[in-house]
């Protein structure tokens, strides 16, 4: 009788352990995906814990373990514990300013960067539409740009100028 009980116990324990292993990577809502309405070349921008922004065309899967680790698989890379994901990110990035300034300076053009803290793209569009910034409305339209994380002044400004 004791053998039958031991076999049943081992069988139940095996089923439980298999269930835990199977469900270990089942949470697909582990990382929020922010969707925008723009898409130029890439379909996803993945923010890593190191501060990098990686671009991919296809999201293959997002898995979260019981321990809280998140793994994002794309067509181009795998990221462990990303900070966030943006679907259809804007083509431009605030990180592109440095290269554009250098290119203009190398072509003997003067550069003036006006950084208006807190003036995001949506607020800019609202101010243009309401006529509150007529001089800026007369200039070439602004482009929506991807920013860095965290989206605070010090981090964003340092990223633009370095």
C-alpha atoms as a PDB file:
ATOM      1  CA  UNK A   1       0.000   0.000   0.000  1.00  0.00           C
ATOM      2  CA  UNK A   2       2.875   2.342   0.807  1.00  0.00           C
ATOM      3  CA  UNK A   3       4.310   1.947  -2.745  1.00  0.00           C
ATOM      4  CA  UNK A   4       1.016   3.002  -4.333  1.00  0.00           C
ATOM      5  CA  UNK A   5       0.883   6.071  -2.105  1.00  0.00           C
ATOM      6  CA  UNK A   6       4.486   6.964  -2.952  1.00  0.00           C
ATOM      7  CA  UNK A   7       3.817   6.537  -6.704  1.00  0.00           C
ATOM      8  CA  UNK A   8       0.734   8.768  -6.465  1.00  0.00           C
ATOM      9  CA  UNK A   9       2.675  11.375  -4.502  1.00  0.00           C
ATOM     10  CA  UNK A  10       5.496  11.407  -7.082  1.00  0.00           C
ATOM     11  CA  UNK A  11       2.972  11.596  -9.920  1.00  0.00           C
ATOM     12  CA  UNK A  12       1.115  14.542  -8.327  1.00  0.00           C
ATOM     13  CA  UNK A  13       4.396  16.315  -7.520  1.00  0.00           C
ATOM     14  CA  UNK A  14       5.566  15.814 -11.131  1.00  0.00           C
ATOM     15  CA  UNK A  15       2.337  17.292 -12.502  1.00  0.00           C
ATOM     16  CA  UNK A  16       2.632  20.295 -10.171  1.00  0.00           C
ATOM     17  CA  UNK A  17       6.278  20.917 -11.106  1.00  0.00           C
ATOM     18  CA  UNK A  18       5.486  20.562 -14.820  1.00  0.00           C
ATOM     19  CA  UNK A  19       2.602  23.036 -14.407  1.00  0.00           C
ATOM     20  CA  UNK A  20       4.870  25.538 -12.679  1.00  0.00           C
ATOM     21  CA  UNK A  21       7.517  25.174 -15.385  1.00  0.00           C
ATOM     22  CA  UNK A  22       4.884  25.533 -18.133  1.00  0.00           C
ATOM     23  CA  UNK A  23       3.242  28.583 -16.551  1.00  0.00           C
ATOM     24  CA  UNK A  24       6.563  30.170 -15.625  1.00  0.00           C
ATOM     25  CA  UNK A  25       6.623  32.124 -18.889  1.00  0.00           C
ATOM     26  CA  UNK A  26       2.964  32.746 -19.594  1.00  0.00           C
ATOM     27  CA  UNK A  27       2.251  36.398 -18.765  1.00  0.00           C
ATOM     28  CA  UNK A  28       2.146  38.311 -22.056  1.00  0.00           C
ATOM     29  CA  UNK A  29       1.145  41.576 -20.342  1.00  0.00           C
ATOM     30  CA  UNK A  30       4.474  41.820 -18.532  1.00  0.00           C
ATOM     31  CA  UNK A  31       5.673  45.008 -20.249  1.00  0.00           C
ATOM     32  CA  UNK A  32       3.268  47.731 -21.333  1.00  0.00           C
ATOM     33  CA  UNK A  33       3.358  48.494 -25.058  1.00  0.00           C
ATOM     34  CA  UNK A  34       2.624  52.111 -25.937  1.00  0.00           C
ATOM     35  CA  UNK A  35       1.045  52.491 -29.373  1.00  0.00           C
ATOM     36  CA  UNK A  36       1.431  55.603 -31.501  1.00  0.00           C
ATOM     37  CA  UNK A  37      -0.054  56.351 -34.896  1.00  0.00           C
ATOM     38  CA  UNK A  38       3.246  56.900 -36.684  1.00  0.00           C
ATOM     39  CA  UNK A  39       5.423  54.274 -38.339  1.00  0.00           C
ATOM     40  CA  UNK A  40       8.291  55.016 -40.684  1.00  0.00           C
ATOM     41  CA  UNK A  41      10.776  52.157 -40.644  1.00  0.00           C
ATOM     42  CA  UNK A  42      10.511  50.117 -37.461  1.00  0.00           C
ATOM     43  CA  UNK A  43       7.461  48.742 -35.744  1.00  0.00           C
ATOM     44  CA  UNK A  44       8.832  48.624 -32.175  1.00  0.00           C
ATOM     45  CA  UNK A  45      11.275  50.548 -29.994  1.00  0.00           C
ATOM     46  CA  UNK A  46      12.417  48.641 -26.907  1.00  0.00           C
ATOM     47  CA  UNK A  47      13.891  50.592 -23.986  1.00  0.00           C
ATOM     48  CA  UNK A  48      16.551  48.583 -22.127  1.00  0.00           C
ATOM     49  CA  UNK A  49      17.653  48.946 -18.527  1.00  0.00           C
ATOM     50  CA  UNK A  50      21.022  50.240 -19.803  1.00  0.00           C
ATOM     51  CA  UNK A  51      19.376  53.264 -21.402  1.00  0.00           C
ATOM     52  CA  UNK A  52      19.549  51.957 -24.974  1.00  0.00           C
ATOM     53  CA  UNK A  53      16.688  52.128 -27.453  1.00  0.00           C
ATOM     54  CA  UNK A  54      16.635  49.087 -29.735  1.00  0.00           C
ATOM     55  CA  UNK A  55      14.485  48.952 -32.867  1.00  0.00           C
ATOM     56  CA  UNK A  56      12.764  45.850 -34.234  1.00  0.00           C
ATOM     57  CA  UNK A  57      10.283  45.086 -36.988  1.00  0.00           C
ATOM     58  CA  UNK A  58       8.415  42.221 -35.330  1.00  0.00           C
ATOM     59  CA  UNK A  59       7.609  41.263 -31.741  1.00  0.00           C
ATOM     60  CA  UNK A  60       7.877  37.474 -31.354  1.00  0.00           C
ATOM     61  CA  UNK A  61       6.901  37.253 -27.710  1.00  0.00           C
ATOM     62  CA  UNK A  62       6.939  38.724 -24.225  1.00  0.00           C
ATOM     63  CA  UNK A  63       7.289  36.334 -21.315  1.00  0.00           C
ATOM     64  CA  UNK A  64       7.371  36.906 -17.588  1.00  0.00           C
ATOM     65  CA  UNK A  65       8.685  34.358 -15.122  1.00  0.00           C
ATOM     66  CA  UNK A  66       7.277  33.708 -11.686  1.00  0.00           C
ATOM     67  CA  UNK A  67      10.393  35.422 -10.306  1.00  0.00           C
ATOM     68  CA  UNK A  68       9.473  38.626 -12.151  1.00  0.00           C
ATOM     69  CA  UNK A  69      12.054  38.484 -14.960  1.00  0.00           C
ATOM     70  CA  UNK A  70      10.750  39.614 -18.339  1.00  0.00           C
ATOM     71  CA  UNK A  71      12.135  38.387 -21.666  1.00  0.00           C
ATOM     72  CA  UNK A  72      11.230  40.151 -24.924  1.00  0.00           C
ATOM     73  CA  UNK A  73      11.962  38.302 -28.171  1.00  0.00           C
ATOM     74  CA  UNK A  74      11.912  40.194 -31.467  1.00  0.00           C
ATOM     75  CA  UNK A  75      13.005  39.359 -34.985  1.00  0.00           C
ATOM     76  CA  UNK A  76      16.375  41.049 -34.337  1.00  0.00           C
ATOM     77  CA  UNK A  77      17.242  40.578 -30.647  1.00  0.00           C
ATOM     78  CA  UNK A  78      16.244  39.348 -27.192  1.00  0.00           C
ATOM     79  CA  UNK A  79      16.109  41.725 -24.218  1.00  0.00           C
ATOM     80  CA  UNK A  80      15.916  40.754 -20.565  1.00  0.00           C
ATOM     81  CA  UNK A  81      13.909  43.052 -18.292  1.00  0.00           C
ATOM     82  CA  UNK A  82      13.193  45.944 -20.679  1.00  0.00           C
ATOM     83  CA  UNK A  83      11.823  49.187 -19.263  1.00  0.00           C
ATOM     84  CA  UNK A  84       9.151  49.567 -21.937  1.00  0.00           C
ATOM     85  CA  UNK A  85       8.132  49.127 -25.556  1.00  0.00           C
ATOM     86  CA  UNK A  86       6.705  51.632 -28.017  1.00  0.00           C
ATOM     87  CA  UNK A  87       4.769  50.299 -30.988  1.00  0.00           C
ATOM     88  CA  UNK A  88       5.109  52.348 -34.204  1.00  0.00           C
ATOM     89  CA  UNK A  89       7.660  54.792 -32.750  1.00  0.00           C
ATOM     90  CA  UNK A  90       8.370  58.105 -34.460  1.00  0.00           C
ATOM     91  CA  UNK A  91      11.245  58.027 -36.938  1.00  0.00           C
ATOM     92  CA  UNK A  92      13.068  60.928 -35.294  1.00  0.00           C
ATOM     93  CA  UNK A  93      14.757  60.748 -31.895  1.00  0.00           C
ATOM     94  CA  UNK A  94      16.146  63.444 -29.634  1.00  0.00           C
ATOM     95  CA  UNK A  95      19.414  61.511 -29.863  1.00  0.00           C
ATOM     96  CA  UNK A  96      19.678  62.542 -33.550  1.00  0.00           C
ATOM     97  CA  UNK A  97      20.279  66.212 -32.690  1.00  0.00           C
ATOM     98  CA  UNK A  98      23.987  65.708 -32.005  1.00  0.00           C
ATOM     99  CA  UNK A  99      24.687  64.252 -35.454  1.00  0.00           C
ATOM    100  CA  UNK A 100      22.593  66.913 -37.199  1.00  0.00           C
ATOM    101  CA  UNK A 101      24.429  69.706 -35.391  1.00  0.00           C
ATOM    102  CA  UNK A 102      27.838  68.258 -36.282  1.00  0.00           C
ATOM    103  CA  UNK A 103      26.827  67.896 -39.924  1.00  0.00           C
ATOM    104  CA  UNK A 104      25.655  71.514 -40.079  1.00  0.00           C
ATOM    105  CA  UNK A 105      28.778  72.802 -38.326  1.00  0.00           C
ATOM    106  CA  UNK A 106      30.982  70.849 -40.742  1.00  0.00           C
ATOM    107  CA  UNK A 107      29.134  72.622 -43.581  1.00  0.00           C
ATOM    108  CA  UNK A 108      29.898  76.039 -42.015  1.00  0.00           C
ATOM    109  CA  UNK A 109      26.312  76.638 -40.929  1.00  0.00           C
ATOM    110  CA  UNK A 110      25.446  78.388 -37.695  1.00  0.00           C
ATOM    111  CA  UNK A 111      23.336  76.468 -35.209  1.00  0.00           C
ATOM    112  CA  UNK A 112      20.967  77.689 -32.512  1.00  0.00           C
ATOM    113  CA  UNK A 113      19.169  75.131 -30.372  1.00  0.00           C
ATOM    114  CA  UNK A 114      16.221  76.434 -28.404  1.00  0.00           C
ATOM    115  CA  UNK A 115      15.150  73.966 -25.774  1.00  0.00           C
ATOM    116  CA  UNK A 116      11.742  74.715 -24.270  1.00  0.00           C
ATOM    117  CA  UNK A 117      11.359  72.494 -21.242  1.00  0.00           C
ATOM    118  CA  UNK A 118       7.974  70.804 -21.025  1.00  0.00           C
ATOM    119  CA  UNK A 119       6.897  71.631 -24.579  1.00  0.00           C
ATOM    120  CA  UNK A 120       6.050  68.174 -25.884  1.00  0.00           C
ATOM    121  CA  UNK A 121       4.850  67.475 -29.400  1.00  0.00           C
ATOM    122  CA  UNK A 122       1.128  67.359 -28.562  1.00  0.00           C
ATOM    123  CA  UNK A 123       1.335  70.630 -26.597  1.00  0.00           C
ATOM    124  CA  UNK A 124       3.274  72.173 -29.504  1.00  0.00           C
ATOM    125  CA  UNK A 125       0.528  71.161 -31.957  1.00  0.00           C
ATOM    126  CA  UNK A 126      -2.149  72.570 -29.641  1.00  0.00           C
ATOM    127  CA  UNK A 127      -0.261  75.878 -29.270  1.00  0.00           C
ATOM    128  CA  UNK A 128       0.177  76.165 -33.058  1.00  0.00           C
ATOM    129  CA  UNK A 129      -3.517  75.435 -33.667  1.00  0.00           C
ATOM    130  CA  UNK A 130      -4.634  78.003 -31.087  1.00  0.00           C
ATOM    131  CA  UNK A 131      -2.303  80.696 -32.456  1.00  0.00           C
ATOM    132  CA  UNK A 132      -0.312  81.064 -29.221  1.00  0.00           C
ATOM    133  CA  UNK A 133       3.105  80.732 -30.882  1.00  0.00           C
ATOM    134  CA  UNK A 134       2.873  82.582 -34.211  1.00  0.00           C
ATOM    135  CA  UNK A 135       6.633  82.824 -34.786  1.00  0.00           C
ATOM    136  CA  UNK A 136       7.136  79.089 -34.294  1.00  0.00           C
ATOM    137  CA  UNK A 137       4.132  78.477 -36.549  1.00  0.00           C
ATOM    138  CA  UNK A 138       5.930  80.381 -39.322  1.00  0.00           C
ATOM    139  CA  UNK A 139       8.943  78.041 -39.155  1.00  0.00           C
ATOM    140  CA  UNK A 140       9.335  74.572 -40.586  1.00  0.00           C
ATOM    141  CA  UNK A 141       7.001  72.234 -38.698  1.00  0.00           C
ATOM    142  CA  UNK A 142       8.436  70.226 -35.825  1.00  0.00           C
ATOM    143  CA  UNK A 143       8.774  66.467 -36.084  1.00  0.00           C
ATOM    144  CA  UNK A 144       7.544  64.085 -33.447  1.00  0.00           C
ATOM    145  CA  UNK A 145      10.556  62.479 -31.773  1.00  0.00           C
ATOM    146  CA  UNK A 146      11.273  59.578 -29.492  1.00  0.00           C
ATOM    147  CA  UNK A 147      12.796  60.558 -26.150  1.00  0.00           C
ATOM    148  CA  UNK A 148      14.898  58.774 -23.548  1.00  0.00           C
ATOM    149  CA  UNK A 149      13.845  57.185 -20.283  1.00  0.00           C
ATOM    150  CA  UNK A 150      13.426  58.594 -17.733  1.00  0.00           C
ATOM    151  CA  UNK A 151      11.667  61.461 -19.467  1.00  0.00           C
ATOM    152  CA  UNK A 152      12.990  64.139 -17.173  1.00  0.00           C
ATOM    153  CA  UNK A 153      14.752  67.335 -18.194  1.00  0.00           C
ATOM    154  CA  UNK A 154      18.258  66.426 -17.039  1.00  0.00           C
ATOM    155  CA  UNK A 155      18.309  63.028 -18.746  1.00  0.00           C
ATOM    156  CA  UNK A 156      16.692  64.263 -21.974  1.00  0.00           C
ATOM    157  CA  UNK A 157      18.868  67.382 -22.329  1.00  0.00           C
ATOM    158  CA  UNK A 158      22.087  65.479 -21.551  1.00  0.00           C
ATOM    159  CA  UNK A 159      21.144  62.887 -24.168  1.00  0.00           C
ATOM    160  CA  UNK A 160      20.572  65.555 -26.811  1.00  0.00           C
ATOM    161  CA  UNK A 161      23.868  67.386 -26.345  1.00  0.00           C
ATOM    162  CA  UNK A 162      26.286  64.504 -25.745  1.00  0.00           C
END
